[in-house]
């Protein structure tokens, strides 16, 4: 049995439906069952069943009670897909610590809460899979997205550590690293806290990446297929880059020296930045 968090939209909904169509028994978590219409409509259209579980990954008690209910109903959990999360824009200087805390509480602590809810039984059973949906920004410092970058980098590190800790128990960890994917995050992640005016070029560059992403964004089903592969594969790996820009940006950042990275930041104009970005990563962000 598989639990997918944040199952009512985007990658979560695509993953829940795809796994159900592939024969998995799926429980999709949502913050409110009354607002899960799109997930239920998608399940009806696909002719599959997705069970709903109400919980908020940002709240200790909600996660505890939600997973207790899932165990009571399903009896066991074989795979957990930690998908639920939020974005977060802002340069470091202009982003209040409370905003970092808010994003961390969901994108990192939410994953930890859900993992802690299933791991005692997975260890006892001697198997299982924890799939953590990270982001390409967990592998490079995406400009003007400081809270999101920080939370996803932290998630990458915790996931690596968790993989080592769980290896003796036969429990696998997979890190999914989507690039830009069709999702409601575009509509939600629109804050531009340009409070000083000093960082207008940074926000312009971030929005340029978003604009290119809207054109090239990969359908969420591609991520869903990679999640299923990570769960079912007999030859698993730790990391799975997927979607537009992910493989190229991750490989490009690995090639760049720190001096090259800083040179990218010193680009004088948006056109200069787009050209340098293309040279560094092989990804065209012009529109």
Protein backbone atom coordinates (compact mmCIF):
# COMPACT_ATOMS: atom_id res chain seq x y z
CA UNK A 1 0.00 0.00 0.00
CA UNK A 2 1.26 3.46 -0.91
CA UNK A 3 0.61 6.84 0.72
CA UNK A 4 1.05 9.98 -1.40
CA UNK A 5 1.00 13.29 0.46
CA UNK A 6 -0.36 16.42 -1.17
CA UNK A 7 -2.41 14.29 -3.55
CA UNK A 8 -5.02 16.81 -4.66
CA UNK A 9 -2.96 18.69 -7.24
CA UNK A 10 0.07 18.70 -9.50
CA UNK A 11 2.69 16.01 -9.01
CA UNK A 12 0.83 14.50 -6.05
CA UNK A 13 -2.40 13.97 -7.96
CA UNK A 14 -0.62 12.63 -11.03
CA UNK A 15 1.38 10.24 -8.85
CA UNK A 16 -1.61 8.99 -6.86
CA UNK A 17 -3.61 8.32 -10.04
CA UNK A 18 -0.69 6.76 -11.91
CA UNK A 19 0.16 4.39 -9.06
CA UNK A 20 -3.49 3.41 -8.71
CA UNK A 21 -3.68 2.71 -12.46
CA UNK A 22 -0.51 0.61 -12.09
CA UNK A 23 -2.13 -1.64 -9.50
CA UNK A 24 -1.08 0.00 -6.25
CA UNK A 25 -3.51 0.53 -3.40
CA UNK A 26 -3.22 4.26 -2.86
CA UNK A 27 -4.12 6.58 -0.01
CA UNK A 28 -3.83 10.24 -0.94
CA UNK A 29 -3.49 12.76 1.85
CA UNK A 30 -5.24 16.12 1.61
CA UNK A 31 -5.66 18.94 4.08
CA UNK A 32 -9.42 18.82 3.62
CA UNK A 33 -11.42 15.93 2.21
CA UNK A 34 -14.12 18.40 1.19
CA UNK A 35 -11.69 20.04 -1.27
CA UNK A 36 -10.46 16.84 -2.93
CA UNK A 37 -12.89 17.03 -5.85
CA UNK A 38 -10.23 17.10 -8.57
CA UNK A 39 -8.49 14.01 -7.24
CA UNK A 40 -11.75 12.11 -6.97
CA UNK A 41 -12.83 13.23 -10.43
CA UNK A 42 -9.50 12.09 -11.84
CA UNK A 43 -9.86 8.71 -10.15
CA UNK A 44 -13.39 8.30 -11.51
CA UNK A 45 -12.26 9.21 -15.03
CA UNK A 46 -9.37 6.74 -14.83
CA UNK A 47 -11.60 4.03 -13.37
CA UNK A 48 -9.45 3.60 -10.27
CA UNK A 49 -9.88 3.99 -6.54
CA UNK A 50 -7.84 6.42 -4.44
CA UNK A 51 -8.64 6.48 -0.74
CA UNK A 52 -8.53 9.85 0.99
CA UNK A 53 -6.84 10.66 4.28
CA UNK A 54 -7.10 14.07 5.87
CA UNK A 55 -3.96 15.49 7.43
CA UNK A 56 -1.79 18.59 7.44
CA UNK A 57 1.93 17.79 7.17
CA UNK A 58 2.74 21.09 8.93
CA UNK A 59 1.14 19.91 12.17
CA UNK A 60 2.49 17.20 14.49
CA UNK A 61 -0.87 16.10 15.84
CA UNK A 62 -2.53 16.09 12.43
CA UNK A 63 0.17 13.83 10.98
CA UNK A 64 0.06 11.50 13.97
CA UNK A 65 -3.72 11.18 13.87
CA UNK A 66 -3.88 10.97 10.08
CA UNK A 67 -1.42 8.11 9.82
CA UNK A 68 -3.03 6.32 12.74
CA UNK A 69 -6.27 6.39 10.78
CA UNK A 70 -4.54 5.11 7.64
CA UNK A 71 -3.01 2.21 9.56
CA UNK A 72 -6.38 1.43 11.11
CA UNK A 73 -8.02 1.34 7.69
CA UNK A 74 -5.25 -0.23 5.59
CA UNK A 75 -3.28 -2.28 8.10
CA UNK A 76 0.14 -1.48 6.65
CA UNK A 77 2.09 1.00 4.52
CA UNK A 78 4.71 -0.25 2.06
CA UNK A 79 5.65 3.01 0.37
CA UNK A 80 5.48 6.66 1.39
CA UNK A 81 5.71 9.39 -1.25
CA UNK A 82 6.50 12.68 0.49
CA UNK A 83 5.24 15.07 -2.17
CA UNK A 84 3.40 17.86 -0.33
CA UNK A 85 5.30 21.12 -0.24
CA UNK A 86 5.33 24.85 -0.95
CA UNK A 87 7.57 27.29 -2.80
CA UNK A 88 9.14 30.42 -1.41
CA UNK A 89 10.62 33.42 -3.18
CA UNK A 90 12.94 36.12 -1.86
CA UNK A 91 16.59 37.09 -1.75
CA UNK A 92 18.31 36.40 1.55
CA UNK A 93 18.56 40.02 2.70
CA UNK A 94 14.87 40.70 2.16
CA UNK A 95 13.40 37.46 3.49
CA UNK A 96 12.37 37.45 7.14
CA UNK A 97 13.49 34.47 9.25
CA UNK A 98 9.83 33.67 9.93
CA UNK A 99 9.37 32.99 6.20
CA UNK A 100 12.30 30.56 6.21
CA UNK A 101 10.76 28.84 9.23
CA UNK A 102 7.36 28.59 7.52
CA UNK A 103 8.79 26.95 4.39
CA UNK A 104 11.09 24.66 6.39
CA UNK A 105 8.17 23.52 8.53
CA UNK A 106 6.40 22.21 5.45
CA UNK A 107 9.11 21.22 2.98
CA UNK A 108 11.50 19.63 5.49
CA UNK A 109 9.74 19.05 8.80
CA UNK A 110 6.61 17.82 7.04
CA UNK A 111 8.68 15.11 5.38
CA UNK A 112 10.29 14.21 8.70
CA UNK A 113 6.90 13.99 10.43
CA UNK A 114 5.50 11.63 7.82
CA UNK A 115 8.63 9.48 7.71
CA UNK A 116 8.61 9.14 11.48
CA UNK A 117 4.99 8.02 11.32
CA UNK A 118 5.78 5.02 9.09
CA UNK A 119 9.36 4.02 9.87
CA UNK A 120 8.84 2.01 13.08
CA UNK A 121 6.58 -0.44 11.24
CA UNK A 122 8.74 -0.45 8.10
CA UNK A 123 11.80 -1.32 10.19
CA UNK A 124 9.90 -4.06 11.98
CA UNK A 125 8.71 -5.44 8.65
CA UNK A 126 12.19 -5.25 7.15
CA UNK A 127 11.29 -3.29 4.05
CA UNK A 128 9.58 -0.33 2.48
CA UNK A 129 10.31 2.80 0.48
CA UNK A 130 10.46 6.47 1.40
CA UNK A 131 10.27 8.66 -1.71
CA UNK A 132 11.06 12.32 -1.07
CA UNK A 133 10.09 14.78 -3.80
CA UNK A 134 12.81 17.43 -3.69
CA UNK A 135 13.59 19.83 -6.56
CA UNK A 136 16.35 20.84 -8.92
CA UNK A 137 16.79 23.84 -6.58
CA UNK A 138 17.98 21.37 -3.96
CA UNK A 139 21.10 21.07 -6.09
CA UNK A 140 21.85 24.66 -7.09
CA UNK A 141 21.29 28.11 -5.61
CA UNK A 142 18.34 29.32 -7.67
CA UNK A 143 18.39 33.10 -7.53
CA UNK A 144 15.77 34.95 -5.43
CA UNK A 145 14.22 31.75 -4.03
CA UNK A 146 16.12 31.61 -0.75
CA UNK A 147 13.50 29.91 1.48
CA UNK A 148 12.71 27.25 -1.13
CA UNK A 149 16.38 26.62 -1.93
CA UNK A 150 17.26 26.35 1.75
CA UNK A 151 14.46 23.89 2.50
CA UNK A 152 15.17 21.68 -0.51
CA UNK A 153 18.92 21.64 0.13
CA UNK A 154 18.14 20.57 3.68
CA UNK A 155 15.79 17.89 2.39
CA UNK A 156 18.54 16.55 0.12
CA UNK A 157 20.92 16.27 3.07
CA UNK A 158 18.39 14.68 5.40
CA UNK A 159 17.38 12.23 2.66
CA UNK A 160 21.01 11.20 2.11
CA UNK A 161 21.42 10.68 5.84
CA UNK A 162 18.16 8.76 6.07
CA UNK A 163 19.24 6.44 3.26
CA UNK A 164 22.36 5.50 5.23
CA UNK A 165 20.45 5.06 8.47
CA UNK A 166 17.80 2.83 6.92
CA UNK A 167 20.04 0.66 4.76
CA UNK A 168 20.56 -1.93 7.53
CA UNK A 169 16.80 -2.36 7.85
CA UNK A 170 16.05 -2.94 4.16
CA UNK A 171 14.13 0.33 3.84
CA UNK A 172 15.04 2.30 0.71
CA UNK A 173 15.08 6.06 0.18
CA UNK A 174 14.64 7.74 -3.20
CA UNK A 175 15.10 11.46 -3.92
CA UNK A 176 13.09 12.80 -6.86
CA UNK A 177 14.51 16.04 -8.28
CA UNK A 178 11.99 17.65 -10.65
CA UNK A 179 12.89 20.59 -12.81
CA UNK A 180 10.00 22.77 -13.92
CA UNK A 181 6.78 20.78 -13.96
CA UNK A 182 3.21 21.77 -14.72
CA UNK A 183 1.74 22.44 -11.31
CA UNK A 184 -0.35 24.85 -9.27
CA UNK A 185 2.92 26.07 -7.73
CA UNK A 186 3.17 28.60 -10.60
CA UNK A 187 -0.05 30.23 -9.48
CA UNK A 188 0.84 30.12 -5.79
CA UNK A 189 4.51 31.06 -5.91
CA UNK A 190 4.19 34.67 -7.10
CA UNK A 191 5.49 36.65 -4.13
CA UNK A 192 8.19 39.19 -4.97
CA UNK A 193 9.38 40.79 -1.71
CA UNK A 194 11.46 43.45 -3.47
CA UNK A 195 11.56 45.67 -0.39
CA UNK A 196 14.85 47.53 -0.97
CA UNK A 197 14.82 47.84 -4.75
CA UNK A 198 18.46 46.74 -4.76
CA UNK A 199 17.70 43.27 -6.04
CA UNK A 200 15.38 44.07 -8.94
CA UNK A 201 17.73 42.30 -11.41
CA UNK A 202 17.68 39.14 -9.26
CA UNK A 203 13.88 39.02 -9.24
CA UNK A 204 13.83 39.72 -12.98
CA UNK A 205 16.12 36.74 -13.55
CA UNK A 206 13.99 34.51 -11.38
CA UNK A 207 10.84 35.52 -13.25
CA UNK A 208 12.61 34.92 -16.56
CA UNK A 209 13.29 31.34 -15.50
CA UNK A 210 9.62 30.99 -14.52
CA UNK A 211 8.51 32.43 -17.87
CA UNK A 212 10.66 29.95 -19.77
CA UNK A 213 9.41 27.21 -17.47
CA UNK A 214 5.79 27.97 -18.26
CA UNK A 215 6.57 27.36 -21.92
CA UNK A 216 8.61 24.20 -21.46
CA UNK A 217 7.16 22.73 -18.23
CA UNK A 218 6.93 18.95 -18.24
CA UNK A 219 3.63 17.23 -17.54
CA UNK A 220 3.42 15.93 -13.98
CA UNK A 221 2.85 12.39 -15.27
CA UNK A 222 6.56 12.23 -16.13
CA UNK A 223 7.42 12.69 -12.47
CA UNK A 224 4.75 10.18 -11.49
CA UNK A 225 6.32 7.58 -13.77
CA UNK A 226 9.72 8.16 -12.18
CA UNK A 227 8.21 7.80 -8.71
CA UNK A 228 6.70 4.45 -9.71
CA UNK A 229 10.04 3.34 -11.13
CA UNK A 230 11.81 4.33 -7.91
CA UNK A 231 9.34 2.22 -5.92
CA UNK A 232 9.28 -0.82 -8.20
CA UNK A 233 12.82 -0.97 -9.59
CA UNK A 234 15.04 -3.96 -8.85
CA UNK A 235 18.05 -1.73 -9.48
CA UNK A 236 17.24 1.47 -7.55
CA UNK A 237 19.40 4.56 -7.24
CA UNK A 238 19.31 7.31 -4.65
CA UNK A 239 18.56 10.29 -6.92
CA UNK A 240 16.22 10.72 -9.88
CA UNK A 241 16.43 14.02 -11.80
CA UNK A 242 13.35 14.50 -13.99
CA UNK A 243 11.41 17.15 -15.94
CA UNK A 244 12.52 20.19 -17.88
CA UNK A 245 15.96 21.48 -17.02
CA UNK A 246 16.70 19.17 -14.12
CA UNK A 247 19.38 16.87 -15.53
CA UNK A 248 21.09 19.68 -17.42
CA UNK A 249 21.15 22.12 -14.51
CA UNK A 250 22.37 19.54 -12.00
CA UNK A 251 25.12 18.34 -14.35
CA UNK A 252 26.05 21.91 -15.23
CA UNK A 253 26.36 22.99 -11.61
CA UNK A 254 28.59 20.00 -10.90
CA UNK A 255 30.90 21.16 -13.70
CA UNK A 256 31.03 24.81 -12.64
CA UNK A 257 33.81 26.04 -10.42
CA UNK A 258 32.87 28.41 -7.61
CA UNK A 259 34.52 31.19 -9.61
CA UNK A 260 32.31 30.37 -12.60
CA UNK A 261 29.25 30.44 -10.34
CA UNK A 262 30.09 33.90 -9.05
CA UNK A 263 30.77 35.09 -12.60
CA UNK A 264 27.20 34.09 -13.50
CA UNK A 265 25.96 36.31 -10.69
CA UNK A 266 27.96 39.24 -11.99
CA UNK A 267 26.16 39.25 -15.36
CA UNK A 268 25.34 42.88 -16.10
CA UNK A 269 22.05 42.61 -17.97
CA UNK A 270 19.23 40.09 -18.31
CA UNK A 271 20.44 39.23 -21.80
CA UNK A 272 23.95 38.65 -20.46
CA UNK A 273 22.53 36.44 -17.71
CA UNK A 274 20.42 34.37 -20.11
CA UNK A 275 23.42 33.80 -22.37
CA UNK A 276 25.65 32.85 -19.44
CA UNK A 277 22.97 30.54 -18.03
CA UNK A 278 22.69 28.78 -21.39
CA UNK A 279 26.47 28.39 -21.62
CA UNK A 280 26.70 27.04 -18.07
CA UNK A 281 23.75 24.65 -18.08
CA UNK A 282 22.74 24.06 -21.68
CA UNK A 283 19.24 25.33 -20.88
CA UNK A 284 17.72 28.18 -22.88
CA UNK A 285 15.69 30.44 -20.60
CA UNK A 286 14.97 33.09 -23.20
CA UNK A 287 11.33 33.53 -24.23
